[in-house]
Amino acid sequence: MAVLTANSHLIYRDLYHRGQSSGNSGYPSSSSSFGLLSLRRLVNGRGERKKRRRNRWTTEVWGPQSFWAEASRPDSIEMEPIAGMDEFDRALQQAKEAAQPIVVDWMADWCRKCIYLRPKLEKLASDYHDRVKFYCVDVNNVPQALVKRGNISKMPTIQLWKDEEMKEEIIGGHKAWLVVDEVREMIEKHI
């Protein structure tokens, strides 16, 4: 591909005149390696790249944020484990002070759906890394008083807590991608 420089309009003009002198009425011969039509797609009349397409593509794909802000976001964020009542209370207190909700994944290591869902929730955590904190509680390794406080009967159960109260929950007995979509909707309601 040709390199576009500040004098690209001169190249455009030369190709145009070369095509006219060959009797083509402005189009270079089919044997030329870089035709006038492809150059017209790359260069406007002033020798500059067309900016309209690039800007439209940038806003469609990346939105209002810059490319580098999107590129610096982590792919996934590991959920913080909660091992006891004190840690759970501390997480709720920090969330209340920050005026942000937290998402708690109540799971067990023997539960296949829990194991399959965890990386998907960690990926979702990267989407909300500055607005929502994600935690996980292994119900087999915590006191039963904590499990009762969460009112957990099935696993996986994903709860959203805000202002030290449980606002909503999703019992993840169905496909993981449906659970992740429901968690996303739940978060959007309470942000």
C-alpha atoms as a PDB file:
ATOM      1  CA  MET A   1       0.000   0.000   0.000  1.00  0.00           C
ATOM      2  CA  ALA A   2       1.248   3.485  -0.749  1.00  0.00           C
ATOM      3  CA  VAL A   3       2.436   5.667   2.076  1.00  0.00           C
ATOM      4  CA  LEU A   4       0.471   8.875   2.280  1.00  0.00           C
ATOM      5  CA  THR A   5       2.536  11.985   2.815  1.00  0.00           C
ATOM      6  CA  ALA A   6       1.887  15.695   2.841  1.00  0.00           C
ATOM      7  CA  ASN A   7       2.396  15.630  -0.957  1.00  0.00           C
ATOM      8  CA  SER A   8      -0.121  12.863  -1.603  1.00  0.00           C
ATOM      9  CA  HIS A   9      -2.256  15.247  -3.616  1.00  0.00           C
ATOM     10  CA  LEU A  10       0.672  15.540  -6.064  1.00  0.00           C
ATOM     11  CA  ILE A  11       0.698  11.769  -6.477  1.00  0.00           C
ATOM     12  CA  TYR A  12      -3.044  11.861  -7.037  1.00  0.00           C
ATOM     13  CA  ARG A  13      -2.632  14.603  -9.670  1.00  0.00           C
ATOM     14  CA  ASP A  14       0.214  12.760 -11.412  1.00  0.00           C
ATOM     15  CA  LEU A  15      -1.802   9.528 -11.597  1.00  0.00           C
ATOM     16  CA  TYR A  16      -4.767  11.451 -12.944  1.00  0.00           C
ATOM     17  CA  HIS A  17      -2.726  13.129 -15.671  1.00  0.00           C
ATOM     18  CA  ARG A  18      -0.937   9.890 -16.515  1.00  0.00           C
ATOM     19  CA  GLY A  19      -4.336   8.280 -17.026  1.00  0.00           C
ATOM     20  CA  GLN A  20      -5.529  11.121 -19.245  1.00  0.00           C
ATOM     21  CA  SER A  21      -2.409  10.989 -21.410  1.00  0.00           C
ATOM     22  CA  SER A  22      -2.983   7.283 -22.002  1.00  0.00           C
ATOM     23  CA  GLY A  23      -6.449   8.050 -23.359  1.00  0.00           C
ATOM     24  CA  ASN A  24      -8.317   6.613 -20.356  1.00  0.00           C
ATOM     25  CA  SER A  25     -10.181   9.773 -19.411  1.00  0.00           C
ATOM     26  CA  GLY A  26      -8.671   9.957 -15.952  1.00  0.00           C
ATOM     27  CA  TYR A  27      -8.219   6.306 -15.038  1.00  0.00           C
ATOM     28  CA  PRO A  28      -4.828   4.625 -15.090  1.00  0.00           C
ATOM     29  CA  SER A  29      -4.401   1.468 -17.085  1.00  0.00           C
ATOM     30  CA  SER A  30      -5.363  -1.878 -15.551  1.00  0.00           C
ATOM     31  CA  SER A  31      -1.698  -2.862 -15.471  1.00  0.00           C
ATOM     32  CA  SER A  32      -0.850  -0.182 -12.876  1.00  0.00           C
ATOM     33  CA  SER A  33      -0.283  -1.619  -9.420  1.00  0.00           C
ATOM     34  CA  PHE A  34      -2.002   1.184  -7.561  1.00  0.00           C
ATOM     35  CA  GLY A  35      -5.017   2.525  -9.355  1.00  0.00           C
ATOM     36  CA  LEU A  36      -6.665   5.896  -9.124  1.00  0.00           C
ATOM     37  CA  LEU A  37      -9.856   4.530  -7.618  1.00  0.00           C
ATOM     38  CA  SER A  38      -8.088   2.987  -4.631  1.00  0.00           C
ATOM     39  CA  LEU A  39      -6.144   6.209  -4.157  1.00  0.00           C
ATOM     40  CA  ARG A  40      -9.402   8.187  -4.212  1.00  0.00           C
ATOM     41  CA  ARG A  41     -10.695   5.978  -1.400  1.00  0.00           C
ATOM     42  CA  LEU A  42      -7.643   6.755   0.731  1.00  0.00           C
ATOM     43  CA  VAL A  43      -7.064  10.425  -0.019  1.00  0.00           C
ATOM     44  CA  ASN A  44      -9.409  13.360  -0.284  1.00  0.00           C
ATOM     45  CA  GLY A  45      -8.695  16.251  -2.638  1.00  0.00           C
ATOM     46  CA  ARG A  46      -6.226  17.919  -0.250  1.00  0.00           C
ATOM     47  CA  GLY A  47      -3.917  14.945   0.247  1.00  0.00           C
ATOM     48  CA  GLU A  48      -5.209  14.062   3.726  1.00  0.00           C
ATOM     49  CA  ARG A  49      -6.626  10.805   4.951  1.00  0.00           C
ATOM     50  CA  LYS A  50     -10.377  10.778   5.228  1.00  0.00           C
ATOM     51  CA  LYS A  51     -11.062  11.364   8.911  1.00  0.00           C
ATOM     52  CA  ARG A  52     -14.812  10.864   8.860  1.00  0.00           C
ATOM     53  CA  ARG A  53     -14.640   7.075   8.615  1.00  0.00           C
ATOM     54  CA  ARG A  54     -11.979   6.674  11.238  1.00  0.00           C
ATOM     55  CA  ASN A  55     -13.842   8.849  13.734  1.00  0.00           C
ATOM     56  CA  ARG A  56     -17.164   7.130  13.072  1.00  0.00           C
ATOM     57  CA  TRP A  57     -15.538   3.703  13.501  1.00  0.00           C
ATOM     58  CA  THR A  58     -13.814   4.837  16.683  1.00  0.00           C
ATOM     59  CA  THR A  59     -17.045   6.034  18.263  1.00  0.00           C
ATOM     60  CA  GLU A  60     -18.996   2.961  17.162  1.00  0.00           C
ATOM     61  CA  VAL A  61     -16.467   0.479  18.500  1.00  0.00           C
ATOM     62  CA  TRP A  62     -14.942   2.248  21.485  1.00  0.00           C
ATOM     63  CA  GLY A  63     -17.601   4.770  22.435  1.00  0.00           C
ATOM     64  CA  PRO A  64     -16.698   8.111  23.953  1.00  0.00           C
ATOM     65  CA  GLN A  65     -13.687   6.749  25.816  1.00  0.00           C
ATOM     66  CA  SER A  66     -10.286   6.716  24.202  1.00  0.00           C
ATOM     67  CA  PHE A  67      -8.626   3.585  22.879  1.00  0.00           C
ATOM     68  CA  TRP A  68      -5.979   3.616  25.589  1.00  0.00           C
ATOM     69  CA  ALA A  69      -8.507   3.809  28.420  1.00  0.00           C
ATOM     70  CA  GLU A  70     -10.251   0.717  27.053  1.00  0.00           C
ATOM     71  CA  ALA A  71      -6.980  -1.090  26.427  1.00  0.00           C
ATOM     72  CA  SER A  72      -5.795  -0.514  30.013  1.00  0.00           C
ATOM     73  CA  ARG A  73      -8.888  -2.151  31.549  1.00  0.00           C
ATOM     74  CA  PRO A  74      -8.092  -5.652  32.871  1.00  0.00           C
ATOM     75  CA  ASP A  75      -9.699  -8.666  31.192  1.00  0.00           C
ATOM     76  CA  SER A  76     -10.891 -10.104  34.489  1.00  0.00           C
ATOM     77  CA  ILE A  77     -10.654  -9.270  38.159  1.00  0.00           C
ATOM     78  CA  GLU A  78     -10.458 -12.044  40.712  1.00  0.00           C
ATOM     79  CA  MET A  79     -13.266 -11.937  43.246  1.00  0.00           C
ATOM     80  CA  GLU A  80     -12.155 -11.344  46.826  1.00  0.00           C
ATOM     81  CA  PRO A  81     -12.886 -14.315  49.081  1.00  0.00           C
ATOM     82  CA  ILE A  82     -14.789 -13.791  52.308  1.00  0.00           C
ATOM     83  CA  ALA A  83     -13.910 -16.271  55.049  1.00  0.00           C
ATOM     84  CA  GLY A  84     -15.889 -15.044  58.029  1.00  0.00           C
ATOM     85  CA  MET A  85     -18.522 -12.753  59.496  1.00  0.00           C
ATOM     86  CA  ASP A  86     -16.018  -9.970  60.277  1.00  0.00           C
ATOM     87  CA  GLU A  87     -14.761  -9.845  56.666  1.00  0.00           C
ATOM     88  CA  PHE A  88     -18.331  -9.757  55.399  1.00  0.00           C
ATOM     89  CA  ASP A  89     -19.233  -6.882  57.748  1.00  0.00           C
ATOM     90  CA  ARG A  90     -16.074  -5.016  56.709  1.00  0.00           C
ATOM     91  CA  ALA A  91     -16.932  -5.400  53.009  1.00  0.00           C
ATOM     92  CA  LEU A  92     -20.462  -4.114  53.626  1.00  0.00           C
ATOM     93  CA  GLN A  93     -19.157  -1.150  55.648  1.00  0.00           C
ATOM     94  CA  GLN A  94     -16.611  -0.177  52.957  1.00  0.00           C
ATOM     95  CA  ALA A  95     -19.329  -0.378  50.303  1.00  0.00           C
ATOM     96  CA  LYS A  96     -21.616   1.840  52.387  1.00  0.00           C
ATOM     97  CA  GLU A  97     -18.866   4.443  52.866  1.00  0.00           C
ATOM     98  CA  ALA A  98     -18.140   4.441  49.130  1.00  0.00           C
ATOM     99  CA  ALA A  99     -21.887   4.528  48.310  1.00  0.00           C
ATOM    100  CA  GLN A 100     -21.416   1.571  45.987  1.00  0.00           C
ATOM    101  CA  PRO A 101     -23.093  -1.825  45.812  1.00  0.00           C
ATOM    102  CA  ILE A 102     -21.240  -5.122  46.151  1.00  0.00           C
ATOM    103  CA  VAL A 103     -21.943  -8.435  44.458  1.00  0.00           C
ATOM    104  CA  VAL A 104     -21.510 -11.584  46.543  1.00  0.00           C
ATOM    105  CA  ASP A 105     -21.247 -15.003  44.876  1.00  0.00           C
ATOM    106  CA  TRP A 106     -22.239 -17.714  47.346  1.00  0.00           C
ATOM    107  CA  MET A 107     -20.688 -20.914  46.008  1.00  0.00           C
ATOM    108  CA  ALA A 108     -19.109 -24.264  46.872  1.00  0.00           C
ATOM    109  CA  ASP A 109     -16.041 -26.026  45.445  1.00  0.00           C
ATOM    110  CA  TRP A 110     -18.020 -29.177  44.701  1.00  0.00           C
ATOM    111  CA  CYS A 111     -20.672 -27.292  42.668  1.00  0.00           C
ATOM    112  CA  ARG A 112     -19.965 -27.582  38.930  1.00  0.00           C
ATOM    113  CA  LYS A 113     -22.177 -24.623  38.020  1.00  0.00           C
ATOM    114  CA  CYS A 114     -20.355 -22.492  40.581  1.00  0.00           C
ATOM    115  CA  ILE A 115     -16.973 -23.421  39.125  1.00  0.00           C
ATOM    116  CA  TYR A 116     -18.160 -22.734  35.591  1.00  0.00           C
ATOM    117  CA  LEU A 117     -19.771 -19.408  36.538  1.00  0.00           C
ATOM    118  CA  ARG A 118     -16.851 -17.952  38.494  1.00  0.00           C
ATOM    119  CA  PRO A 119     -14.591 -16.911  35.552  1.00  0.00           C
ATOM    120  CA  LYS A 120     -17.572 -15.338  33.816  1.00  0.00           C
ATOM    121  CA  LEU A 121     -18.359 -13.272  36.898  1.00  0.00           C
ATOM    122  CA  GLU A 122     -14.688 -12.269  37.162  1.00  0.00           C
ATOM    123  CA  LYS A 123     -14.853 -11.060  33.578  1.00  0.00           C
ATOM    124  CA  LEU A 124     -18.003  -9.100  34.441  1.00  0.00           C
ATOM    125  CA  ALA A 125     -16.161  -7.636  37.436  1.00  0.00           C
ATOM    126  CA  SER A 126     -13.674  -6.034  35.041  1.00  0.00           C
ATOM    127  CA  ASP A 127     -16.540  -4.179  33.346  1.00  0.00           C
ATOM    128  CA  TYR A 128     -17.568  -2.629  36.678  1.00  0.00           C
ATOM    129  CA  HIS A 129     -14.144  -2.550  38.349  1.00  0.00           C
ATOM    130  CA  ASP A 130     -14.416   1.052  39.522  1.00  0.00           C
ATOM    131  CA  ARG A 131     -18.112   1.041  40.495  1.00  0.00           C
ATOM    132  CA  VAL A 132     -18.901  -2.386  42.019  1.00  0.00           C
ATOM    133  CA  LYS A 133     -16.772  -4.780  44.043  1.00  0.00           C
ATOM    134  CA  PHE A 134     -17.222  -8.555  43.641  1.00  0.00           C
ATOM    135  CA  TYR A 135     -16.778 -11.067  46.470  1.00  0.00           C
ATOM    136  CA  CYS A 136     -17.146 -14.828  46.744  1.00  0.00           C
ATOM    137  CA  VAL A 137     -18.096 -16.925  49.758  1.00  0.00           C
ATOM    138  CA  ASP A 138     -17.393 -20.656  49.864  1.00  0.00           C
ATOM    139  CA  VAL A 139     -20.316 -21.894  51.985  1.00  0.00           C
ATOM    140  CA  ASN A 140     -18.377 -24.985  53.141  1.00  0.00           C
ATOM    141  CA  ASN A 141     -15.502 -22.942  54.594  1.00  0.00           C
ATOM    142  CA  VAL A 142     -17.401 -20.244  56.504  1.00  0.00           C
ATOM    143  CA  PRO A 143     -19.460 -20.354  59.711  1.00  0.00           C
ATOM    144  CA  GLN A 144     -23.069 -21.389  59.164  1.00  0.00           C
ATOM    145  CA  ALA A 145     -24.178 -18.148  60.840  1.00  0.00           C
ATOM    146  CA  LEU A 146     -22.856 -16.284  57.787  1.00  0.00           C
ATOM    147  CA  VAL A 147     -24.711 -18.627  55.412  1.00  0.00           C
ATOM    148  CA  LYS A 148     -27.900 -18.076  57.410  1.00  0.00           C
ATOM    149  CA  ARG A 149     -27.360 -14.318  57.332  1.00  0.00           C
ATOM    150  CA  GLY A 150     -27.281 -14.489  53.549  1.00  0.00           C
ATOM    151  CA  ASN A 151     -30.361 -16.747  53.607  1.00  0.00           C
ATOM    152  CA  ILE A 152     -28.659 -19.169  51.197  1.00  0.00           C
ATOM    153  CA  SER A 153     -30.473 -22.364  50.255  1.00  0.00           C
ATOM    154  CA  LYS A 154     -29.115 -23.142  46.758  1.00  0.00           C
ATOM    155  CA  MET A 155     -25.879 -22.602  44.939  1.00  0.00           C
ATOM    156  CA  PRO A 156     -24.692 -20.642  43.148  1.00  0.00           C
ATOM    157  CA  THR A 157     -26.547 -17.642  44.542  1.00  0.00           C
ATOM    158  CA  ILE A 158     -25.457 -14.188  43.475  1.00  0.00           C
ATOM    159  CA  GLN A 159     -26.623 -11.335  45.657  1.00  0.00           C
ATOM    160  CA  LEU A 160     -26.361  -7.577  45.341  1.00  0.00           C
ATOM    161  CA  TRP A 161     -25.922  -5.753  48.651  1.00  0.00           C
ATOM    162  CA  LYS A 162     -26.231  -1.999  49.052  1.00  0.00           C
ATOM    163  CA  ASP A 163     -26.349   0.070  52.255  1.00  0.00           C
ATOM    164  CA  GLU A 164     -25.733  -3.127  54.260  1.00  0.00           C
ATOM    165  CA  GLU A 165     -28.956  -4.682  52.944  1.00  0.00           C
ATOM    166  CA  MET A 166     -29.485  -7.422  50.403  1.00  0.00           C
ATOM    167  CA  LYS A 167     -31.375  -5.787  47.508  1.00  0.00           C
ATOM    168  CA  GLU A 168     -31.650  -8.589  44.925  1.00  0.00           C
ATOM    169  CA  GLU A 169     -30.487 -12.130  44.320  1.00  0.00           C
ATOM    170  CA  ILE A 170     -30.184 -14.556  41.447  1.00  0.00           C
ATOM    171  CA  ILE A 171     -30.087 -18.279  41.987  1.00  0.00           C
ATOM    172  CA  GLY A 172     -27.876 -19.583  39.216  1.00  0.00           C
ATOM    173  CA  GLY A 173     -29.445 -22.929  38.398  1.00  0.00           C
ATOM    174  CA  HIS A 174     -29.530 -22.244  34.647  1.00  0.00           C
ATOM    175  CA  LYS A 175     -27.019 -21.452  31.891  1.00  0.00           C
ATOM    176  CA  ALA A 176     -24.055 -19.279  32.918  1.00  0.00           C
ATOM    177  CA  TRP A 177     -24.501 -16.696  30.163  1.00  0.00           C
ATOM    178  CA  LEU A 178     -28.113 -16.138  31.287  1.00  0.00           C
ATOM    179  CA  VAL A 179     -26.952 -15.694  34.872  1.00  0.00           C
ATOM    180  CA  VAL A 180     -24.298 -13.169  33.813  1.00  0.00           C
ATOM    181  CA  ASP A 181     -26.892 -11.193  31.828  1.00  0.00           C
ATOM    182  CA  GLU A 182     -29.226 -11.175  34.832  1.00  0.00           C
ATOM    183  CA  VAL A 183     -26.387 -10.053  37.119  1.00  0.00           C
ATOM    184  CA  ARG A 184     -25.552  -7.252  34.685  1.00  0.00           C
ATOM    185  CA  GLU A 185     -29.195  -6.095  34.687  1.00  0.00           C
ATOM    186  CA  MET A 186     -29.296  -6.280  38.479  1.00  0.00           C
ATOM    187  CA  ILE A 187     -26.158  -4.130  38.749  1.00  0.00           C
ATOM    188  CA  GLU A 188     -27.456  -1.555  36.278  1.00  0.00           C
ATOM    189  CA  LYS A 189     -30.626  -1.107  38.370  1.00  0.00           C
ATOM    190  CA  HIS A 190     -28.687  -0.279  41.520  1.00  0.00           C
ATOM    191  CA  ILE A 191     -25.752   1.795  40.282  1.00  0.00           C
END
